[in-house]
Amino acid sequence: MLGGMAFGYALRRRNPGKAAGRATTVLIWALLLMLGVEVGGDNRIMSSLGTLGVEAMILSVASIAGSVAAAWVLWRWIVAKKEDIADEG
C-alpha cells in the first residue's frame, strides 16, 4: 500500500487515475477468478455450499437490518437536533 501511495505521489502530475482504475478492475477480476478456482477445487467447501449460503444470507440480512436501524436512529437524532435549534431561535 505504501508503495502504491509513493507511486501515485510520484506520478501525480501525469494523472494516472484512468490507467490505475483499469488496472484495478482487471486485477480484481483476476483475483475473483482465482478465488473461484480455489473454492471450486475444494471438495469440502463445495459439499457444504448450501449451509454456507444460508449462513451468508442470515449475515447479509442481519447486516442490512442493523444498518437500516442505525441510519433510522441517526436520522431521528439529526431531526430532533434541528428542531431543538429551530425552537431556540
PDB file of N, CA and C in Angstrom:
ATOM      1  N   MET A   1       0.827  -1.186   0.000  1.00  0.00           N
ATOM      2  CA  MET A   1       0.000   0.000   0.000  1.00  0.00           C
ATOM      3  C   MET A   1       0.873   1.252   0.000  1.00  0.00           C
ATOM      4  N   LEU A   2       1.886   1.257   0.831  1.00  0.00           N
ATOM      5  CA  LEU A   2       2.790   2.413   0.866  1.00  0.00           C
ATOM      6  C   LEU A   2       3.500   2.596  -0.469  1.00  0.00           C
ATOM      7  N   GLY A   3       3.863   1.477  -1.096  1.00  0.00           N
ATOM      8  CA  GLY A   3       4.495   1.555  -2.407  1.00  0.00           C
ATOM      9  C   GLY A   3       3.563   2.168  -3.437  1.00  0.00           C
ATOM     10  N   GLY A   4       2.289   1.795  -3.391  1.00  0.00           N
ATOM     11  CA  GLY A   4       1.299   2.365  -4.305  1.00  0.00           C
ATOM     12  C   GLY A   4       1.092   3.847  -4.059  1.00  0.00           C
ATOM     13  N   MET A   5       1.108   4.236  -2.784  1.00  0.00           N
ATOM     14  CA  MET A   5       0.971   5.652  -2.458  1.00  0.00           C
ATOM     15  C   MET A   5       2.171   6.443  -2.979  1.00  0.00           C
ATOM     16  N   ALA A   6       3.361   5.880  -2.795  1.00  0.00           N
ATOM     17  CA  ALA A   6       4.564   6.551  -3.288  1.00  0.00           C
ATOM     18  C   ALA A   6       4.537   6.654  -4.812  1.00  0.00           C
ATOM     19  N   PHE A   7       4.090   5.595  -5.464  1.00  0.00           N
ATOM     20  CA  PHE A   7       3.993   5.588  -6.917  1.00  0.00           C
ATOM     21  C   PHE A   7       2.981   6.635  -7.395  1.00  0.00           C
ATOM     22  N   GLY A   8       1.836   6.700  -6.742  1.00  0.00           N
ATOM     23  CA  GLY A   8       0.824   7.700  -7.091  1.00  0.00           C
ATOM     24  C   GLY A   8       1.314   9.115  -6.845  1.00  0.00           C
ATOM     25  N   TYR A   9       2.043   9.316  -5.756  1.00  0.00           N
ATOM     26  CA  TYR A   9       2.584  10.636  -5.453  1.00  0.00           C
ATOM     27  C   TYR A   9       3.602  11.056  -6.508  1.00  0.00           C
ATOM     28  N   ALA A  10       4.431  10.118  -6.929  1.00  0.00           N
ATOM     29  CA  ALA A  10       5.453  10.428  -7.936  1.00  0.00           C
ATOM     30  C   ALA A  10       4.818  10.754  -9.291  1.00  0.00           C
ATOM     31  N   LEU A  11       3.693  10.138  -9.591  1.00  0.00           N
ATOM     32  CA  LEU A  11       3.036  10.343 -10.886  1.00  0.00           C
ATOM     33  C   LEU A  11       1.840  11.282 -10.813  1.00  0.00           C
ATOM     34  N   ARG A  12       1.712  12.040  -9.751  1.00  0.00           N
ATOM     35  CA  ARG A  12       0.520  12.865  -9.559  1.00  0.00           C
ATOM     36  C   ARG A  12       0.330  13.908 -10.655  1.00  0.00           C
ATOM     37  N   ARG A  13       1.390  14.365 -11.254  1.00  0.00           N
ATOM     38  CA  ARG A  13       1.280  15.375 -12.312  1.00  0.00           C
ATOM     39  C   ARG A  13       0.835  14.753 -13.639  1.00  0.00           C
ATOM     40  N   ARG A  14       1.025  13.470 -13.804  1.00  0.00           N
ATOM     41  CA  ARG A  14       0.647  12.786 -15.049  1.00  0.00           C
ATOM     42  C   ARG A  14      -0.780  12.248 -15.001  1.00  0.00           C
ATOM     43  N   ASN A  15      -1.443  12.343 -13.862  1.00  0.00           N
ATOM     44  CA  ASN A  15      -2.815  11.869 -13.675  1.00  0.00           C
ATOM     45  C   ASN A  15      -2.970  10.398 -14.073  1.00  0.00           C
ATOM     46  N   PRO A  16      -2.421   9.484 -13.267  1.00  0.00           N
ATOM     47  CA  PRO A  16      -2.514   8.054 -13.588  1.00  0.00           C
ATOM     48  C   PRO A  16      -3.862   7.443 -13.221  1.00  0.00           C
ATOM     49  N   GLY A  17      -4.822   8.263 -12.840  1.00  0.00           N
ATOM     50  CA  GLY A  17      -6.101   7.769 -12.345  1.00  0.00           C
ATOM     51  C   GLY A  17      -6.829   6.840 -13.287  1.00  0.00           C
ATOM     52  N   LYS A  18      -6.912   7.180 -14.567  1.00  0.00           N
ATOM     53  CA  LYS A  18      -7.664   6.361 -15.513  1.00  0.00           C
ATOM     54  C   LYS A  18      -7.002   4.993 -15.707  1.00  0.00           C
ATOM     55  N   ALA A  19      -5.688   4.989 -15.901  1.00  0.00           N
ATOM     56  CA  ALA A  19      -4.967   3.722 -16.078  1.00  0.00           C
ATOM     57  C   ALA A  19      -4.997   2.903 -14.787  1.00  0.00           C
ATOM     58  N   ALA A  20      -4.881   3.586 -13.659  1.00  0.00           N
ATOM     59  CA  ALA A  20      -4.919   2.874 -12.372  1.00  0.00           C
ATOM     60  C   ALA A  20      -6.277   2.237 -12.147  1.00  0.00           C
ATOM     61  N   GLY A  21      -7.339   2.928 -12.545  1.00  0.00           N
ATOM     62  CA  GLY A  21      -8.685   2.371 -12.407  1.00  0.00           C
ATOM     63  C   GLY A  21      -8.874   1.124 -13.256  1.00  0.00           C
ATOM     64  N   ARG A  22      -8.372   1.164 -14.473  1.00  0.00           N
ATOM     65  CA  ARG A  22      -8.464  -0.015 -15.347  1.00  0.00           C
ATOM     66  C   ARG A  22      -7.655  -1.175 -14.784  1.00  0.00           C
ATOM     67  N   ALA A  23      -6.435  -0.875 -14.323  1.00  0.00           N
ATOM     68  CA  ALA A  23      -5.583  -1.931 -13.761  1.00  0.00           C
ATOM     69  C   ALA A  23      -6.229  -2.536 -12.523  1.00  0.00           C
ATOM     70  N   THR A  24      -6.840  -1.698 -11.698  1.00  0.00           N
ATOM     71  CA  THR A  24      -7.516  -2.198 -10.506  1.00  0.00           C
ATOM     72  C   THR A  24      -8.661  -3.125 -10.877  1.00  0.00           C
ATOM     73  N   THR A  25      -9.444  -2.735 -11.859  1.00  0.00           N
ATOM     74  CA  THR A  25     -10.565  -3.567 -12.301  1.00  0.00           C
ATOM     75  C   THR A  25     -10.080  -4.917 -12.813  1.00  0.00           C
ATOM     76  N   VAL A  26      -9.062  -4.916 -13.641  1.00  0.00           N
ATOM     77  CA  VAL A  26      -8.518  -6.166 -14.185  1.00  0.00           C
ATOM     78  C   VAL A  26      -7.982  -7.046 -13.062  1.00  0.00           C
ATOM     79  N   LEU A  27      -7.257  -6.457 -12.124  1.00  0.00           N
ATOM     80  CA  LEU A  27      -6.699  -7.244 -11.026  1.00  0.00           C
ATOM     81  C   LEU A  27      -7.788  -7.808 -10.116  1.00  0.00           C
ATOM     82  N   ILE A  28      -8.840  -7.046  -9.869  1.00  0.00           N
ATOM     83  CA  ILE A  28      -9.939  -7.559  -9.047  1.00  0.00           C
ATOM     84  C   ILE A  28     -10.612  -8.734  -9.737  1.00  0.00           C
ATOM     85  N   TRP A  29     -10.838  -8.619 -11.048  1.00  0.00           N
ATOM     86  CA  TRP A  29     -11.438  -9.739 -11.785  1.00  0.00           C
ATOM     87  C   TRP A  29     -10.536 -10.967 -11.744  1.00  0.00           C
ATOM     88  N   ALA A  30      -9.220 -10.754 -11.861  1.00  0.00           N
ATOM     89  CA  ALA A  30      -8.279 -11.877 -11.799  1.00  0.00           C
ATOM     90  C   ALA A  30      -8.305 -12.527 -10.416  1.00  0.00           C
ATOM     91  N   LEU A  31      -8.367 -11.716  -9.370  1.00  0.00           N
ATOM     92  CA  LEU A  31      -8.436 -12.268  -8.014  1.00  0.00           C
ATOM     93  C   LEU A  31      -9.731 -13.037  -7.798  1.00  0.00           C
ATOM     94  N   LEU A  32     -10.842 -12.512  -8.303  1.00  0.00           N
ATOM     95  CA  LEU A  32     -12.114 -13.232  -8.181  1.00  0.00           C
ATOM     96  C   LEU A  32     -12.093 -14.549  -8.940  1.00  0.00           C
ATOM     97  N   LEU A  33     -11.481 -14.550 -10.111  1.00  0.00           N
ATOM     98  CA  LEU A  33     -11.342 -15.785 -10.871  1.00  0.00           C
ATOM     99  C   LEU A  33     -10.534 -16.811 -10.083  1.00  0.00           C
ATOM    100  N   MET A  34      -9.406 -16.387  -9.532  1.00  0.00           N
ATOM    101  CA  MET A  34      -8.560 -17.309  -8.769  1.00  0.00           C
ATOM    102  C   MET A  34      -9.282 -17.802  -7.509  1.00  0.00           C
ATOM    103  N   LEU A  35     -10.059 -16.949  -6.865  1.00  0.00           N
ATOM    104  CA  LEU A  35     -10.839 -17.364  -5.707  1.00  0.00           C
ATOM    105  C   LEU A  35     -11.862 -18.415  -6.114  1.00  0.00           C
ATOM    106  N   GLY A  36     -12.525 -18.220  -7.241  1.00  0.00           N
ATOM    107  CA  GLY A  36     -13.484 -19.199  -7.738  1.00  0.00           C
ATOM    108  C   GLY A  36     -12.826 -20.525  -8.059  1.00  0.00           C
ATOM    109  N   VAL A  37     -11.653 -20.498  -8.654  1.00  0.00           N
ATOM    110  CA  VAL A  37     -10.907 -21.726  -8.947  1.00  0.00           C
ATOM    111  C   VAL A  37     -10.561 -22.454  -7.655  1.00  0.00           C
ATOM    112  N   GLU A  38     -10.112 -21.694  -6.679  1.00  0.00           N
ATOM    113  CA  GLU A  38      -9.728 -22.288  -5.389  1.00  0.00           C
ATOM    114  C   GLU A  38     -10.937 -22.905  -4.685  1.00  0.00           C
ATOM    115  N   VAL A  39     -12.050 -22.187  -4.652  1.00  0.00           N
ATOM    116  CA  VAL A  39     -13.260 -22.701  -3.999  1.00  0.00           C
ATOM    117  C   VAL A  39     -13.804 -23.895  -4.767  1.00  0.00           C
ATOM    118  N   GLY A  40     -13.844 -23.797  -6.083  1.00  0.00           N
ATOM    119  CA  GLY A  40     -14.359 -24.901  -6.893  1.00  0.00           C
ATOM    120  C   GLY A  40     -13.538 -26.165  -6.770  1.00  0.00           C
ATOM    121  N   GLY A  41     -12.267 -26.039  -6.474  1.00  0.00           N
ATOM    122  CA  GLY A  41     -11.398 -27.204  -6.349  1.00  0.00           C
ATOM    123  C   GLY A  41     -11.395 -27.828  -4.967  1.00  0.00           C
ATOM    124  N   ASP A  42     -12.044 -27.195  -4.003  1.00  0.00           N
ATOM    125  CA  ASP A  42     -12.074 -27.712  -2.634  1.00  0.00           C
ATOM    126  C   ASP A  42     -13.386 -28.471  -2.413  1.00  0.00           C
ATOM    127  N   ASN A  43     -13.298 -29.794  -2.332  1.00  0.00           N
ATOM    128  CA  ASN A  43     -14.494 -30.636  -2.178  1.00  0.00           C
ATOM    129  C   ASN A  43     -15.254 -30.338  -0.900  1.00  0.00           C
ATOM    130  N   ARG A  44     -14.532 -30.031   0.167  1.00  0.00           N
ATOM    131  CA  ARG A  44     -15.184 -29.761   1.451  1.00  0.00           C
ATOM    132  C   ARG A  44     -16.074 -28.519   1.350  1.00  0.00           C
ATOM    133  N   ILE A  45     -15.578 -27.473   0.713  1.00  0.00           N
ATOM    134  CA  ILE A  45     -16.370 -26.249   0.560  1.00  0.00           C
ATOM    135  C   ILE A  45     -17.545 -26.504  -0.376  1.00  0.00           C
ATOM    136  N   MET A  46     -17.301 -27.194  -1.469  1.00  0.00           N
ATOM    137  CA  MET A  46     -18.371 -27.442  -2.432  1.00  0.00           C
ATOM    138  C   MET A  46     -19.489 -28.295  -1.836  1.00  0.00           C
ATOM    139  N   SER A  47     -19.155 -29.245  -0.967  1.00  0.00           N
ATOM    140  CA  SER A  47     -20.187 -30.095  -0.374  1.00  0.00           C
ATOM    141  C   SER A  47     -21.010 -29.360   0.681  1.00  0.00           C
ATOM    142  N   SER A  48     -20.449 -28.319   1.269  1.00  0.00           N
ATOM    143  CA  SER A  48     -21.190 -27.578   2.292  1.00  0.00           C
ATOM    144  C   SER A  48     -21.663 -26.220   1.773  1.00  0.00           C
ATOM    145  N   LEU A  49     -21.773 -26.068   0.479  1.00  0.00           N
ATOM    146  CA  LEU A  49     -22.153 -24.792  -0.130  1.00  0.00           C
ATOM    147  C   LEU A  49     -23.553 -24.352   0.296  1.00  0.00           C
ATOM    148  N   GLY A  50     -24.467 -25.284   0.434  1.00  0.00           N
ATOM    149  CA  GLY A  50     -25.830 -24.947   0.863  1.00  0.00           C
ATOM    150  C   GLY A  50     -25.851 -24.334   2.246  1.00  0.00           C
ATOM    151  N   THR A  51     -25.131 -24.937   3.172  1.00  0.00           N
ATOM    152  CA  THR A  51     -25.059 -24.414   4.530  1.00  0.00           C
ATOM    153  C   THR A  51     -24.384 -23.049   4.550  1.00  0.00           C
ATOM    154  N   LEU A  52     -23.314 -22.915   3.785  1.00  0.00           N
ATOM    155  CA  LEU A  52     -22.620 -21.630   3.718  1.00  0.00           C
ATOM    156  C   LEU A  52     -23.523 -20.550   3.137  1.00  0.00           C
ATOM    157  N   GLY A  53     -24.335 -20.911   2.165  1.00  0.00           N
ATOM    158  CA  GLY A  53     -25.258 -19.954   1.560  1.00  0.00           C
ATOM    159  C   GLY A  53     -26.303 -19.460   2.543  1.00  0.00           C
ATOM    160  N   VAL A  54     -26.829 -20.367   3.353  1.00  0.00           N
ATOM    161  CA  VAL A  54     -27.825 -19.982   4.357  1.00  0.00           C
ATOM    162  C   VAL A  54     -27.180 -19.057   5.394  1.00  0.00           C
ATOM    163  N   GLU A  55     -25.982 -19.417   5.843  1.00  0.00           N
ATOM    164  CA  GLU A  55     -25.287 -18.570   6.818  1.00  0.00           C
ATOM    165  C   GLU A  55     -24.983 -17.195   6.229  1.00  0.00           C
ATOM    166  N   ALA A  56     -24.572 -17.170   4.975  1.00  0.00           N
ATOM    167  CA  ALA A  56     -24.284 -15.893   4.317  1.00  0.00           C
ATOM    168  C   ALA A  56     -25.547 -15.059   4.195  1.00  0.00           C
ATOM    169  N   MET A  57     -26.671 -15.682   3.886  1.00  0.00           N
ATOM    170  CA  MET A  57     -27.939 -14.952   3.776  1.00  0.00           C
ATOM    171  C   MET A  57     -28.341 -14.368   5.129  1.00  0.00           C
ATOM    172  N   ILE A  58     -28.200 -15.149   6.186  1.00  0.00           N
ATOM    173  CA  ILE A  58     -28.541 -14.665   7.528  1.00  0.00           C
ATOM    174  C   ILE A  58     -27.657 -13.473   7.896  1.00  0.00           C
ATOM    175  N   LEU A  59     -26.362 -13.598   7.648  1.00  0.00           N
ATOM    176  CA  LEU A  59     -25.449 -12.494   7.956  1.00  0.00           C
ATOM    177  C   LEU A  59     -25.771 -11.256   7.121  1.00  0.00           C
ATOM    178  N   SER A  60     -26.108 -11.452   5.860  1.00  0.00           N
ATOM    179  CA  SER A  60     -26.441 -10.316   4.987  1.00  0.00           C
ATOM    180  C   SER A  60     -27.689  -9.602   5.469  1.00  0.00           C
ATOM    181  N   VAL A  61     -28.728 -10.358   5.758  1.00  0.00           N
ATOM    182  CA  VAL A  61     -29.983  -9.758   6.206  1.00  0.00           C
ATOM    183  C   VAL A  61     -29.786  -9.038   7.538  1.00  0.00           C
ATOM    184  N   ALA A  62     -29.051  -9.665   8.456  1.00  0.00           N
ATOM    185  CA  ALA A  62     -28.793  -9.037   9.753  1.00  0.00           C
ATOM    186  C   ALA A  62     -27.966  -7.762   9.585  1.00  0.00           C
ATOM    187  N   SER A  63     -26.996  -7.771   8.704  1.00  0.00           N
ATOM    188  CA  SER A  63     -26.172  -6.590   8.465  1.00  0.00           C
ATOM    189  C   SER A  63     -26.994  -5.450   7.879  1.00  0.00           C
ATOM    190  N   ILE A  64     -27.832  -5.776   6.910  1.00  0.00           N
ATOM    191  CA  ILE A  64     -28.677  -4.750   6.296  1.00  0.00           C
ATOM    192  C   ILE A  64     -29.662  -4.201   7.319  1.00  0.00           C
ATOM    193  N   ALA A  65     -30.275  -5.077   8.087  1.00  0.00           N
ATOM    194  CA  ALA A  65     -31.240  -4.631   9.103  1.00  0.00           C
ATOM    195  C   ALA A  65     -30.555  -3.734  10.138  1.00  0.00           C
ATOM    196  N   GLY A  66     -29.363  -4.113  10.561  1.00  0.00           N
ATOM    197  CA  GLY A  66     -28.631  -3.292  11.524  1.00  0.00           C
ATOM    198  C   GLY A  66     -28.258  -1.941  10.954  1.00  0.00           C
ATOM    199  N   SER A  67     -27.857  -1.912   9.707  1.00  0.00           N
ATOM    200  CA  SER A  67     -27.511  -0.648   9.057  1.00  0.00           C
ATOM    201  C   SER A  67     -28.727   0.255   8.914  1.00  0.00           C
ATOM    202  N   VAL A  68     -29.854  -0.330   8.519  1.00  0.00           N
ATOM    203  CA  VAL A  68     -31.079   0.451   8.381  1.00  0.00           C
ATOM    204  C   VAL A  68     -31.512   0.993   9.740  1.00  0.00           C
ATOM    205  N   ALA A  69     -31.439   0.171  10.773  1.00  0.00           N
ATOM    206  CA  ALA A  69     -31.820   0.617  12.117  1.00  0.00           C
ATOM    207  C   ALA A  69     -30.902   1.741  12.598  1.00  0.00           C
ATOM    208  N   ALA A  70     -29.609   1.588  12.392  1.00  0.00           N
ATOM    209  CA  ALA A  70     -28.665   2.632  12.816  1.00  0.00           C
ATOM    210  C   ALA A  70     -28.904   3.919  12.038  1.00  0.00           C
ATOM    211  N   ALA A  71     -29.173   3.824  10.745  1.00  0.00           N
ATOM    212  CA  ALA A  71     -29.445   5.012   9.931  1.00  0.00           C
ATOM    213  C   ALA A  71     -30.733   5.691  10.396  1.00  0.00           C
ATOM    214  N   TRP A  72     -31.751   4.907  10.739  1.00  0.00           N
ATOM    215  CA  TRP A  72     -33.008   5.468  11.218  1.00  0.00           C
ATOM    216  C   TRP A  72     -32.809   6.206  12.534  1.00  0.00           C
ATOM    217  N   VAL A  73     -32.054   5.595  13.453  1.00  0.00           N
ATOM    218  CA  VAL A  73     -31.772   6.247  14.740  1.00  0.00           C
ATOM    219  C   VAL A  73     -30.995   7.545  14.519  1.00  0.00           C
ATOM    220  N   LEU A  74     -30.001   7.506  13.660  1.00  0.00           N
ATOM    221  CA  LEU A  74     -29.217   8.698  13.361  1.00  0.00           C
ATOM    222  C   LEU A  74     -30.102   9.776  12.731  1.00  0.00           C
ATOM    223  N   TRP A  75     -30.971   9.407  11.810  1.00  0.00           N
ATOM    224  CA  TRP A  75     -31.862  10.360  11.170  1.00  0.00           C
ATOM    225  C   TRP A  75     -32.789  11.016  12.201  1.00  0.00           C
ATOM    226  N   ARG A  76     -33.355  10.214  13.072  1.00  0.00           N
ATOM    227  CA  ARG A  76     -34.242  10.757  14.115  1.00  0.00           C
ATOM    228  C   ARG A  76     -33.475  11.717  15.022  1.00  0.00           C
ATOM    229  N   TRP A  77     -32.236  11.383  15.348  1.00  0.00           N
ATOM    230  CA  TRP A  77     -31.409  12.236  16.207  1.00  0.00           C
ATOM    231  C   TRP A  77     -31.117  13.561  15.510  1.00  0.00           C
ATOM    232  N   ILE A  78     -30.787  13.522  14.223  1.00  0.00           N
ATOM    233  CA  ILE A  78     -30.493  14.741  13.467  1.00  0.00           C
ATOM    234  C   ILE A  78     -31.742  15.618  13.373  1.00  0.00           C
ATOM    235  N   VAL A  79     -32.892  15.026  13.093  1.00  0.00           N
ATOM    236  CA  VAL A  79     -34.139  15.791  13.005  1.00  0.00           C
ATOM    237  C   VAL A  79     -34.457  16.424  14.351  1.00  0.00           C
ATOM    238  N   ALA A  80     -34.270  15.684  15.441  1.00  0.00           N
ATOM    239  CA  ALA A  80     -34.534  16.229  16.776  1.00  0.00           C
ATOM    240  C   ALA A  80     -33.596  17.405  17.075  1.00  0.00           C
ATOM    241  N   LYS A  81     -32.328  17.292  16.676  1.00  0.00           N
ATOM    242  CA  LYS A  81     -31.375  18.378  16.879  1.00  0.00           C
ATOM    243  C   LYS A  81     -31.797  19.617  16.106  1.00  0.00           C
ATOM    244  N   LYS A  82     -32.231  19.448  14.853  1.00  0.00           N
ATOM    245  CA  LYS A  82     -32.670  20.581  14.043  1.00  0.00           C
ATOM    246  C   LYS A  82     -33.888  21.249  14.668  1.00  0.00           C
ATOM    247  N   GLU A  83     -34.812  20.454  15.195  1.00  0.00           N
ATOM    248  CA  GLU A  83     -35.998  21.015  15.841  1.00  0.00           C
ATOM    249  C   GLU A  83     -35.622  21.786  17.092  1.00  0.00           C
ATOM    250  N   ASP A  84     -34.653  21.266  17.873  1.00  0.00           N
ATOM    251  CA  ASP A  84     -34.183  21.978  19.063  1.00  0.00           C
ATOM    252  C   ASP A  84     -33.563  23.316  18.697  1.00  0.00           C
ATOM    253  N   ILE A  85     -32.779  23.328  17.640  1.00  0.00           N
ATOM    254  CA  ILE A  85     -32.126  24.554  17.193  1.00  0.00           C
ATOM    255  C   ILE A  85     -33.184  25.551  16.702  1.00  0.00           C
ATOM    256  N   ALA A  86     -34.201  25.055  15.968  1.00  0.00           N
ATOM    257  CA  ALA A  86     -35.250  25.934  15.460  1.00  0.00           C
ATOM    258  C   ALA A  86     -36.074  26.516  16.607  1.00  0.00           C
ATOM    259  N   ASP A  87     -36.320  25.717  17.656  1.00  0.00           N
ATOM    260  CA  ASP A  87     -37.097  26.184  18.815  1.00  0.00           C
ATOM    261  C   ASP A  87     -36.330  27.260  19.588  1.00  0.00           C
ATOM    262  N   GLU A  88     -35.022  27.150  19.632  1.00  0.00           N
ATOM    263  CA  GLU A  88     -34.203  28.110  20.359  1.00  0.00           C
ATOM    264  C   GLU A  88     -34.153  29.459  19.637  1.00  0.00           C
ATOM    265  N   GLY A  89     -34.193  29.427  18.303  1.00  0.00           N
ATOM    266  CA  GLY A  89     -34.014  30.640  17.514  1.00  0.00           C
ATOM    267  C   GLY A  89     -35.238  31.403  17.321  1.00  0.00           C
TER     268      GLY A  89
END
